[in-house]
């Protein structure tokens, strides 16, 4: 199950791997204007340490300054925190551009770069990052749910969040009669209605984690048809979710993320007024 972020701000965190003193002043000026928080380094080993330790939205690489570029990109792809970070390359010639796009780089800044070109790249990069955040959004709420394991009803469970990947559950150990029997890997049957809609989601999931206090998470397996966020004690991951229910959940999650972003933007405007 994906590590879920609440994205309480629209801030973007980027790592810049570059030592070009003619290019960097223009780049950093544009980044400040866009509100991008940056780490800048010319040391590829230090860059890899940051990639291993810090969640980043974007990694900007000067294509000709990394000694072993293939290994560097592979370590990004294998990183626990930043596999999905947007990758931007700073290129000088046509050969750099071809190699960059064949290596899976998503955006390009071509030297010599102007403020207009860098701004255009950052605008596209921001759109890609928000699209990722929208897909990874986990919406919090509290609703009681019907759960069962091996056809035995699990009483007293509550869903406290949902994403396109799965559910967070809160298990009341006083009323969840089977809570002591729960373990990771259990198949769990669930049924719930998406809040503010009449759309029913029914299916089977896999329990991916349970806290020592009885918390758990569930993965979807198959299915048919600013407030304080409660902390789940179990995680369930969806698998083989029907196309119809996948569309329902994605649409519902997307609408709530868009609403969330709009509120952030309004609050930012108010703060700047």
Foldseek 3Di string as FASTA:
>chain_A
DDDFDQCLALEFEEEEQDDPPVQVVLLVVLCVVVRYHYDYYVDLVVVLVCLQPDAGQEYEYAQPSDPCVVVSLVSQCVHPRRVPRQYEYEYEDPVSVVVCVVSPHDYYAYPPHDNVSSNVRVVVSSVVSLVVNLQRHKDFDWDDKWKDFPPHTFPDKIWGIAHLWWTWIAHDVVRRPCLVVDDFQTKMWIWDADPPDRWIWTAIWTWHDADPVSFAQQQQDETPTVPDGDHGRGRRTRHNYDPNVSVVRSVSSNVVSVVSVVVNVVVVVVVVD
